[in-house]
N, C-alpha and C. Protein backbone atom coordinates (compact mmCIF):
# COMPACT_ATOMS: atom_id res chain seq x y z
N UNK A 1 17.28 -3.68 -2.01
CA UNK A 1 16.06 -3.45 -1.67
C UNK A 1 15.61 -4.80 -1.09
N UNK A 2 14.79 -4.52 0.09
CA UNK A 2 14.28 -5.72 0.91
C UNK A 2 12.67 -5.61 0.91
N UNK A 3 11.89 -6.45 0.41
CA UNK A 3 10.55 -6.58 0.34
C UNK A 3 10.14 -7.55 1.50
N UNK A 4 9.40 -7.29 2.57
CA UNK A 4 9.31 -8.00 3.70
C UNK A 4 8.01 -7.64 4.24
N UNK A 5 7.35 -8.48 5.21
CA UNK A 5 6.23 -8.22 6.08
C UNK A 5 6.78 -7.05 7.07
N UNK A 6 5.80 -6.13 7.09
CA UNK A 6 6.02 -4.95 7.89
C UNK A 6 6.00 -5.50 9.58
N UNK A 7 6.58 -4.58 10.34
CA UNK A 7 6.32 -4.74 11.83
C UNK A 7 5.92 -3.57 12.35
N UNK A 8 5.63 -3.53 13.78
CA UNK A 8 5.23 -2.46 14.33
C UNK A 8 6.24 -1.53 14.33
N UNK A 9 7.50 -1.70 14.37
CA UNK A 9 8.57 -0.72 14.31
C UNK A 9 8.63 0.08 12.94
N UNK A 10 7.88 -0.28 12.18
CA UNK A 10 7.88 0.19 10.67
C UNK A 10 6.95 1.47 10.55
N UNK A 11 6.00 1.53 11.75
CA UNK A 11 5.03 2.27 11.69
C UNK A 11 5.45 3.94 11.48
N UNK A 12 6.40 4.32 12.31
CA UNK A 12 6.87 5.63 12.13
C UNK A 12 7.50 6.24 10.85
N UNK A 13 8.03 5.11 10.11
CA UNK A 13 8.46 5.41 8.68
C UNK A 13 7.32 5.40 7.75
N UNK A 14 6.33 4.41 8.00
CA UNK A 14 5.15 4.39 7.27
C UNK A 14 4.24 5.84 7.34
N UNK A 15 4.27 6.41 8.33
CA UNK A 15 3.52 7.68 8.60
C UNK A 15 4.29 8.75 7.90
N UNK A 16 5.80 8.61 8.21
CA UNK A 16 6.40 9.89 7.30
C UNK A 16 6.41 9.78 6.03
N UNK A 17 6.20 8.42 5.59
CA UNK A 17 6.26 8.30 3.80
C UNK A 17 5.02 8.72 3.41
N UNK A 18 4.09 8.28 3.98
CA UNK A 18 2.50 8.63 3.48
C UNK A 18 2.15 10.11 3.59
N UNK A 19 2.66 10.83 4.65
CA UNK A 19 2.66 12.18 4.57
C UNK A 19 3.33 12.94 3.65
N UNK A 20 4.39 12.27 3.13
CA UNK A 20 5.27 12.80 2.04
C UNK A 20 4.57 12.88 0.54
N UNK A 21 3.16 12.08 0.66
CA UNK A 21 2.61 11.70 -0.60
C UNK A 21 1.15 12.28 -0.52
N UNK A 22 0.81 13.51 -1.09
CA UNK A 22 -0.28 14.00 -0.75
C UNK A 22 -1.43 13.26 -1.24
N UNK A 23 -1.24 12.44 -2.41
CA UNK A 23 -2.28 11.53 -2.82
C UNK A 23 -2.62 10.51 -2.01
N UNK A 24 -1.85 10.14 -1.04
CA UNK A 24 -1.93 8.75 -0.22
C UNK A 24 -3.00 9.28 0.95
N UNK A 25 -3.75 8.05 1.14
CA UNK A 25 -4.79 8.18 2.43
C UNK A 25 -4.05 8.43 3.67
N UNK A 26 -4.14 9.34 4.41
CA UNK A 26 -3.52 9.51 5.67
C UNK A 26 -4.32 9.12 6.82
N UNK A 27 -3.50 8.20 7.49
CA UNK A 27 -4.09 7.34 8.63
C UNK A 27 -3.39 8.13 10.02
N UNK A 28 -4.09 7.61 10.97
CA UNK A 28 -3.41 8.08 12.17
C UNK A 28 -2.63 6.99 12.87
N UNK A 29 -1.73 7.27 13.68
CA UNK A 29 -0.90 6.25 14.27
C UNK A 29 -1.62 5.17 14.94
N UNK A 30 -2.74 5.27 15.34
CA UNK A 30 -3.60 4.28 16.01
C UNK A 30 -4.25 3.37 14.95
N UNK A 31 -4.53 4.02 13.80
CA UNK A 31 -4.99 2.97 12.81
C UNK A 31 -3.98 2.24 12.15
N UNK A 32 -2.83 2.65 12.16
CA UNK A 32 -1.56 1.78 11.81
C UNK A 32 -1.44 0.59 12.87
N UNK A 33 -1.45 1.06 14.14
CA UNK A 33 -1.28 0.39 15.19
C UNK A 33 -2.06 -1.18 15.14
N UNK A 34 -3.56 -0.66 14.81
CA UNK A 34 -4.53 -1.66 14.66
C UNK A 34 -4.14 -2.66 13.73
N UNK A 35 -3.33 -2.54 12.56
CA UNK A 35 -2.96 -3.41 11.61
C UNK A 35 -2.15 -4.59 12.25
N UNK A 36 -1.50 -4.42 13.36
CA UNK A 36 -0.71 -5.40 14.12
C UNK A 36 -1.44 -5.97 15.10
N UNK A 37 -2.61 -5.93 15.36
CA UNK A 37 -3.18 -6.36 16.57
C UNK A 37 -3.28 -8.11 16.49
N UNK A 38 -3.41 -8.65 17.50
CA UNK A 38 -3.47 -10.14 17.46
C UNK A 38 -4.42 -10.70 16.35
N UNK A 39 -3.61 -11.80 15.83
CA UNK A 39 -4.58 -12.49 14.69
C UNK A 39 -5.92 -12.86 15.36
N UNK A 40 -7.05 -12.86 14.72
CA UNK A 40 -8.44 -13.64 15.14
C UNK A 40 -9.16 -12.49 15.57
N UNK A 41 -8.79 -11.16 15.88
CA UNK A 41 -9.44 -10.19 16.29
C UNK A 41 -10.15 -9.28 15.27
N UNK A 42 -9.90 -9.64 14.02
CA UNK A 42 -10.54 -8.86 12.95
C UNK A 42 -10.16 -9.81 11.65
N UNK A 43 -10.66 -9.08 10.45
CA UNK A 43 -10.05 -9.58 9.14
C UNK A 43 -8.46 -9.76 9.08
N UNK A 44 -8.11 -10.89 8.23
CA UNK A 44 -6.68 -10.91 8.14
C UNK A 44 -6.15 -9.79 7.39
N UNK A 45 -5.05 -9.20 7.86
CA UNK A 45 -4.29 -8.01 7.03
C UNK A 45 -3.00 -8.48 6.51
N UNK A 46 -2.64 -7.76 5.35
CA UNK A 46 -1.24 -8.04 4.87
C UNK A 46 -0.67 -6.62 4.92
N UNK A 47 0.57 -6.54 5.39
CA UNK A 47 1.12 -5.20 5.46
C UNK A 47 2.51 -5.56 5.19
N UNK A 48 3.00 -4.88 4.06
CA UNK A 48 4.40 -5.28 3.28
C UNK A 48 4.93 -4.07 3.21
N UNK A 49 6.18 -3.94 3.31
CA UNK A 49 7.13 -2.77 3.15
C UNK A 49 8.36 -3.21 2.36
N UNK A 50 8.99 -2.05 1.56
CA UNK A 50 9.99 -2.21 0.69
C UNK A 50 10.96 -1.39 1.54
N UNK A 51 12.25 -1.95 1.87
CA UNK A 51 13.17 -0.84 2.40
C UNK A 51 14.64 -0.97 1.71
N UNK A 52 15.20 -0.03 1.95
CA UNK A 52 16.49 0.18 1.44
C UNK A 52 17.46 0.55 2.38
N UNK A 53 18.67 0.13 2.61
CA UNK A 53 19.71 0.61 3.59
C UNK A 53 20.24 1.83 2.94
N UNK A 54 20.12 2.90 3.77
CA UNK A 54 20.77 4.33 3.31
C UNK A 54 22.19 4.33 3.84
N UNK A 55 22.88 5.08 3.13
CA UNK A 55 24.40 5.40 3.47
C UNK A 55 24.49 6.16 4.82
N UNK A 56 25.41 6.01 5.38
CA UNK A 56 25.56 6.63 6.85
C UNK A 56 25.54 8.11 6.78
N UNK A 57 25.85 8.56 5.67
CA UNK A 57 26.01 10.21 5.38
C UNK A 57 24.46 10.65 5.53
N UNK A 58 23.59 9.81 5.16
CA UNK A 58 22.23 10.33 5.25
C UNK A 58 21.43 10.22 6.46
N UNK A 59 22.22 9.81 7.42
CA UNK A 59 21.55 9.63 8.89
C UNK A 59 21.78 10.63 9.81
N UNK A 60 20.88 11.14 10.40
CA UNK A 60 21.24 12.42 11.15
C UNK A 60 22.00 12.10 12.33
N UNK A 61 22.03 11.01 12.74
CA UNK A 61 22.90 10.65 14.00
C UNK A 61 24.40 10.33 13.50
N UNK A 62 24.54 9.97 12.24
CA UNK A 62 26.04 9.89 11.62
C UNK A 62 26.63 8.64 12.01
N UNK A 63 25.90 7.84 12.68
CA UNK A 63 26.49 6.28 12.75
C UNK A 63 25.87 5.29 12.07
N UNK A 64 26.53 4.70 11.47
CA UNK A 64 26.12 3.35 10.68
C UNK A 64 25.13 3.82 9.77
N UNK A 65 24.30 2.53 9.24
CA UNK A 65 23.28 2.66 8.25
C UNK A 65 22.08 2.60 8.96
N UNK A 66 21.03 3.38 8.28
CA UNK A 66 19.62 3.40 8.74
C UNK A 66 18.82 2.81 7.67
N UNK A 67 17.61 2.17 7.99
CA UNK A 67 16.80 1.64 6.93
C UNK A 67 15.91 2.91 6.46
N UNK A 68 15.68 2.81 5.06
CA UNK A 68 15.06 3.67 4.35
C UNK A 68 13.83 3.12 3.79
N UNK A 69 12.70 3.65 3.98
CA UNK A 69 11.43 3.02 3.56
C UNK A 69 11.20 3.72 2.28
N UNK A 70 11.14 2.79 1.26
CA UNK A 70 10.68 3.25 -0.04
C UNK A 70 9.24 2.95 -0.47
N UNK A 71 8.56 2.14 0.33
CA UNK A 71 7.12 1.97 -0.08
C UNK A 71 6.51 0.93 0.89
N UNK A 72 5.19 0.91 0.75
CA UNK A 72 4.42 -0.09 1.55
C UNK A 72 3.08 -0.36 0.98
N UNK A 73 2.57 -1.46 1.45
CA UNK A 73 1.03 -1.79 1.00
C UNK A 73 0.35 -2.19 2.17
N UNK A 74 -0.79 -2.13 2.24
CA UNK A 74 -1.95 -2.52 3.31
C UNK A 74 -3.09 -3.07 2.66
N UNK A 75 -3.39 -4.38 2.83
CA UNK A 75 -4.67 -4.84 2.41
C UNK A 75 -5.45 -5.73 3.40
N UNK A 76 -6.66 -6.05 3.34
CA UNK A 76 -7.40 -6.88 4.20
C UNK A 76 -7.98 -7.88 3.48
N UNK A 77 -8.21 -8.97 4.04
CA UNK A 77 -8.92 -10.27 3.49
C UNK A 77 -10.36 -10.08 3.97
N UNK A 78 -11.20 -9.84 3.01
CA UNK A 78 -12.87 -9.90 3.18
C UNK A 78 -13.25 -11.13 2.40
N UNK A 79 -13.10 -12.48 2.69
CA UNK A 79 -13.22 -13.67 2.05
C UNK A 79 -14.69 -13.48 1.26
N UNK A 80 -14.59 -13.83 0.14
CA UNK A 80 -13.56 -14.44 -0.64
C UNK A 80 -12.95 -13.62 -1.49
N UNK A 81 -12.63 -12.24 -1.04
CA UNK A 81 -11.90 -11.19 -1.82
C UNK A 81 -10.91 -10.66 -0.82
N UNK A 82 -10.03 -9.56 -1.42
CA UNK A 82 -9.03 -8.87 -0.90
C UNK A 82 -9.25 -7.47 -1.27
N UNK A 83 -9.30 -6.64 -0.48
CA UNK A 83 -9.09 -5.03 -0.55
C UNK A 83 -7.79 -4.47 -0.27
N UNK A 84 -7.41 -3.58 -1.30
CA UNK A 84 -6.25 -2.86 -1.19
C UNK A 84 -6.49 -1.75 -0.57
N UNK A 85 -6.02 -1.38 0.83
CA UNK A 85 -6.41 -0.11 1.44
C UNK A 85 -5.46 0.97 1.39
N UNK A 86 -4.16 0.65 1.28
CA UNK A 86 -3.18 1.68 1.06
C UNK A 86 -1.86 1.19 0.29
N UNK A 87 -1.57 1.91 -0.81
CA UNK A 87 -0.34 1.64 -1.35
C UNK A 87 0.54 2.83 -1.70
N UNK A 88 1.79 3.11 -0.96
CA UNK A 88 2.47 4.18 -1.23
C UNK A 88 3.94 3.96 -1.55
N UNK A 89 4.51 4.77 -2.42
CA UNK A 89 5.69 4.56 -3.04
C UNK A 89 6.42 6.08 -3.03
N UNK A 90 7.55 5.89 -2.44
CA UNK A 90 8.36 7.38 -2.17
C UNK A 90 8.52 8.09 -3.58
N UNK A 91 8.17 9.17 -3.64
CA UNK A 91 8.31 9.85 -4.87
C UNK A 91 9.53 9.81 -5.59
N UNK A 92 10.76 9.84 -4.98
CA UNK A 92 12.05 9.32 -5.54
C UNK A 92 12.25 8.24 -5.90
N UNK A 93 11.31 7.12 -5.48
CA UNK A 93 11.49 5.75 -5.86
C UNK A 93 10.56 5.33 -6.92
N UNK A 94 9.80 6.15 -7.55
CA UNK A 94 8.74 5.84 -8.35
C UNK A 94 9.36 5.44 -9.79
N UNK A 95 8.64 4.56 -10.42
CA UNK A 95 8.91 4.29 -11.95
C UNK A 95 10.27 3.38 -11.78
N UNK A 96 10.35 2.47 -10.80
CA UNK A 96 11.48 1.46 -10.73
C UNK A 96 10.79 0.19 -10.25
N UNK A 97 9.41 0.09 -10.38
CA UNK A 97 8.72 -1.40 -10.31
C UNK A 97 8.49 -1.67 -9.03
N UNK A 98 8.56 -0.88 -8.01
CA UNK A 98 8.37 -0.87 -6.62
C UNK A 98 6.75 -1.29 -6.36
N UNK A 99 6.05 -0.23 -6.95
CA UNK A 99 4.71 -0.49 -6.83
C UNK A 99 4.22 -2.01 -7.38
N UNK A 100 4.76 -2.11 -8.66
CA UNK A 100 4.23 -3.61 -9.21
C UNK A 100 4.82 -4.72 -8.35
N UNK A 101 6.03 -4.52 -7.69
CA UNK A 101 6.44 -5.54 -6.75
C UNK A 101 5.38 -5.57 -5.42
N UNK A 102 5.16 -4.63 -4.99
CA UNK A 102 3.94 -4.50 -3.76
C UNK A 102 2.89 -5.30 -4.28
N UNK A 103 2.20 -4.91 -5.42
CA UNK A 103 1.05 -5.55 -5.91
C UNK A 103 1.19 -6.95 -6.05
N UNK A 104 2.30 -7.35 -6.53
CA UNK A 104 2.64 -8.79 -6.74
C UNK A 104 2.63 -9.72 -5.48
N UNK A 105 3.17 -8.99 -4.34
CA UNK A 105 3.10 -9.51 -3.10
C UNK A 105 1.83 -9.77 -2.56
N UNK A 106 1.13 -8.87 -2.69
CA UNK A 106 -0.69 -8.81 -2.44
C UNK A 106 -1.21 -9.90 -3.23
N UNK A 107 -1.07 -9.90 -4.60
CA UNK A 107 -1.76 -10.95 -5.39
C UNK A 107 -1.16 -12.20 -5.01
N UNK A 108 -0.09 -12.72 -4.73
CA UNK A 108 0.41 -13.91 -4.28
C UNK A 108 -0.13 -14.36 -2.89
N UNK A 109 -0.34 -13.38 -2.00
CA UNK A 109 -0.97 -13.88 -0.82
C UNK A 109 -2.67 -13.97 -0.93
N UNK A 110 -3.29 -13.22 -1.89
CA UNK A 110 -4.53 -13.45 -2.24
C UNK A 110 -4.83 -14.93 -2.92
N UNK A 111 -3.83 -15.36 -3.76
CA UNK A 111 -3.91 -16.60 -4.40
C UNK A 111 -3.85 -17.54 -3.27
N UNK A 112 -2.82 -17.51 -2.51
CA UNK A 112 -2.61 -18.45 -1.33
C UNK A 112 -3.96 -18.77 -0.44
N UNK A 113 -4.70 -17.88 -0.41
CA UNK A 113 -5.99 -18.00 0.44
C UNK A 113 -7.28 -18.30 -0.33
N UNK A 114 -6.94 -18.70 -1.68
CA UNK A 114 -7.95 -19.19 -2.67
C UNK A 114 -9.11 -18.03 -2.77
N UNK A 115 -8.56 -16.93 -2.81
CA UNK A 115 -9.52 -15.68 -3.08
C UNK A 115 -10.02 -15.82 -4.51
N UNK A 116 -11.37 -15.17 -4.62
CA UNK A 116 -11.70 -15.20 -6.03
C UNK A 116 -11.48 -13.73 -6.94
N UNK A 117 -11.01 -12.80 -5.97
CA UNK A 117 -10.79 -11.59 -6.63
C UNK A 117 -10.16 -10.56 -5.44
N UNK A 118 -9.62 -9.29 -6.17
CA UNK A 118 -8.92 -8.36 -5.30
C UNK A 118 -9.64 -6.95 -5.88
N UNK A 119 -9.86 -6.22 -5.17
CA UNK A 119 -10.53 -4.92 -5.40
C UNK A 119 -9.79 -3.83 -4.63
N UNK A 120 -10.15 -2.33 -5.43
CA UNK A 120 -9.41 -1.19 -4.78
C UNK A 120 -10.31 -0.04 -5.07
N UNK A 121 -9.91 0.98 -4.57
CA UNK A 121 -10.59 2.44 -4.99
C UNK A 121 -9.27 3.39 -5.25
N UNK A 122 -9.40 4.24 -6.08
CA UNK A 122 -8.29 5.22 -6.20
C UNK A 122 -8.84 6.78 -6.77
N UNK A 123 -8.13 7.54 -6.44
CA UNK A 123 -8.70 8.88 -6.69
C UNK A 123 -8.57 9.01 -8.29
N UNK A 124 -9.63 9.80 -8.78
CA UNK A 124 -9.76 9.79 -10.19
C UNK A 124 -8.49 10.40 -10.80
N UNK A 125 -8.03 11.38 -10.21
CA UNK A 125 -6.88 12.09 -10.88
C UNK A 125 -5.41 11.54 -10.49
N UNK A 126 -5.61 10.39 -9.91
CA UNK A 126 -4.16 9.76 -9.61
C UNK A 126 -3.91 8.82 -10.73
N UNK A 127 -3.54 9.44 -11.76
CA UNK A 127 -3.15 8.88 -13.23
C UNK A 127 -2.21 7.56 -13.08
N UNK A 128 -1.12 7.97 -12.37
CA UNK A 128 0.05 7.06 -12.14
C UNK A 128 -0.34 5.81 -11.52
N UNK A 129 -0.90 5.94 -10.41
CA UNK A 129 -1.65 4.70 -9.86
C UNK A 129 -2.75 3.86 -10.65
N UNK A 130 -3.44 4.59 -11.28
CA UNK A 130 -4.56 3.83 -12.16
C UNK A 130 -3.88 3.36 -13.30
N UNK A 131 -2.69 3.81 -13.87
CA UNK A 131 -1.91 3.15 -14.91
C UNK A 131 -1.47 1.84 -14.53
N UNK A 132 -0.66 1.94 -13.10
CA UNK A 132 -0.12 0.86 -12.42
C UNK A 132 -1.19 -0.30 -12.35
N UNK A 133 -2.23 0.16 -11.80
CA UNK A 133 -3.29 -1.06 -11.64
C UNK A 133 -3.88 -1.62 -13.06
N UNK A 134 -4.03 -0.75 -14.10
CA UNK A 134 -4.53 -1.26 -15.18
C UNK A 134 -3.34 -2.12 -15.93
N UNK A 135 -2.24 -1.93 -15.70
CA UNK A 135 -1.09 -2.69 -16.40
C UNK A 135 -1.09 -3.90 -15.63
N UNK A 136 -1.56 -3.97 -14.33
CA UNK A 136 -1.63 -5.21 -13.53
C UNK A 136 -2.87 -6.03 -13.67
N UNK A 137 -3.64 -5.75 -14.61
CA UNK A 137 -4.81 -6.58 -15.11
C UNK A 137 -6.13 -6.25 -14.22
N UNK A 138 -6.20 -4.90 -13.59
CA UNK A 138 -7.20 -4.56 -13.03
C UNK A 138 -8.25 -3.93 -13.84
N UNK A 139 -9.59 -4.16 -13.91
CA UNK A 139 -10.63 -3.50 -14.81
C UNK A 139 -11.30 -2.48 -13.85
N UNK A 140 -11.58 -1.22 -14.51
CA UNK A 140 -12.36 -0.43 -13.79
C UNK A 140 -13.96 -0.77 -13.65
N UNK A 141 -14.44 -1.00 -12.53
CA UNK A 141 -15.95 -1.31 -12.43
C UNK A 141 -16.91 -0.39 -11.96
N UNK A 142 -16.51 0.84 -11.64
CA UNK A 142 -17.46 1.73 -11.00
C UNK A 142 -16.78 2.91 -10.70
N UNK A 143 -17.72 4.01 -9.85
CA UNK A 143 -17.25 5.26 -9.41
C UNK A 143 -17.88 5.54 -8.41
N UNK A 144 -17.36 6.03 -7.14
CA UNK A 144 -18.03 6.62 -5.95
C UNK A 144 -17.95 8.22 -6.06
N UNK A 145 -18.97 8.84 -6.43
CA UNK A 145 -18.94 10.16 -6.38
C UNK A 145 -18.60 10.90 -5.10
N UNK A 146 -17.73 11.92 -5.23
CA UNK A 146 -17.36 12.57 -3.91
C UNK A 146 -16.76 11.86 -2.88
N UNK A 147 -16.25 10.73 -2.98
CA UNK A 147 -15.91 9.63 -2.02
C UNK A 147 -14.63 10.31 -1.09
N UNK A 148 -13.65 11.07 -2.06
CA UNK A 148 -12.61 11.57 -1.52
C UNK A 148 -13.03 13.17 -0.85
N UNK A 149 -12.18 13.58 0.06
CA UNK A 149 -12.36 14.91 0.84
C UNK A 149 -10.85 15.54 0.72
N UNK A 150 -10.74 16.88 0.75
CA UNK A 150 -9.54 17.50 1.06
C UNK A 150 -8.49 17.20 -0.09
N UNK A 151 -8.62 17.45 -1.34
CA UNK A 151 -9.64 18.06 -1.90
C UNK A 151 -10.89 17.11 -2.19
N UNK A 152 -12.08 17.28 -2.59
CA UNK A 152 -13.21 16.69 -3.05
C UNK A 152 -12.87 15.87 -4.31
N UNK A 153 -13.20 14.71 -4.46
CA UNK A 153 -12.88 13.88 -5.63
C UNK A 153 -13.68 12.58 -5.64
N UNK A 154 -13.85 12.21 -6.78
CA UNK A 154 -14.49 10.74 -6.98
C UNK A 154 -13.55 9.85 -6.84
N UNK A 155 -13.78 8.67 -6.43
CA UNK A 155 -13.08 7.41 -6.30
C UNK A 155 -13.34 6.46 -7.73
N UNK A 156 -12.45 6.11 -8.18
CA UNK A 156 -12.69 5.07 -9.26
C UNK A 156 -12.32 3.51 -8.78
N UNK A 157 -13.25 2.64 -9.04
CA UNK A 157 -13.17 1.34 -8.38
C UNK A 157 -12.76 0.35 -9.36
N UNK A 158 -11.81 -0.43 -8.91
CA UNK A 158 -10.95 -1.44 -9.78
C UNK A 158 -11.38 -2.86 -9.24
N UNK A 159 -11.18 -3.98 -9.94
CA UNK A 159 -11.30 -5.19 -9.49
C UNK A 159 -10.54 -6.14 -10.56
N UNK A 160 -10.07 -7.05 -10.01
CA UNK A 160 -9.28 -7.91 -10.69
C UNK A 160 -9.60 -9.55 -10.29
N UNK A 161 -9.95 -10.29 -11.18
CA UNK A 161 -10.44 -11.75 -10.83
C UNK A 161 -9.39 -12.51 -10.75
N UNK A 162 -9.48 -13.49 -9.73
CA UNK A 162 -8.23 -14.48 -9.58
C UNK A 162 -8.58 -15.74 -9.99
N UNK A 163 -9.80 -15.95 -10.50
CA UNK A 163 -10.18 -17.32 -10.81
C UNK A 163 -10.32 -17.48 -12.26
């Protein structure tokens, strides 16, 4: 497994992965492309992927190995805090610590920027994600009624202090 900063070339795999996860926020390709715009044109972004080399037998072309995306994280810096915008782990790769590794990469970057806190929101019904965040030291701070659509659902707000 390889945890690294994402590139524009990862966008198709990121889209495929998030479409395979119904609870994940579904972004357009242009929204993903905006993440990689030149620095200074907006808030600092962190986009991290976890990839695994797949055996040649799993590749449709049948030649060599192809990268498999196991998960990714998108966050933005809104000084003095960071917001988690998206965290997706492939269903088959869950419960192997990948979500925690992605969170740790984000928290490390937040500490490097001397940020005071990190925050996020999650669907109320997403018990797996909520458990992950709570194990990572996040505290529930509120609720946004009817925040999500398709299906309609409340968002639970979480925050973790870094100071």
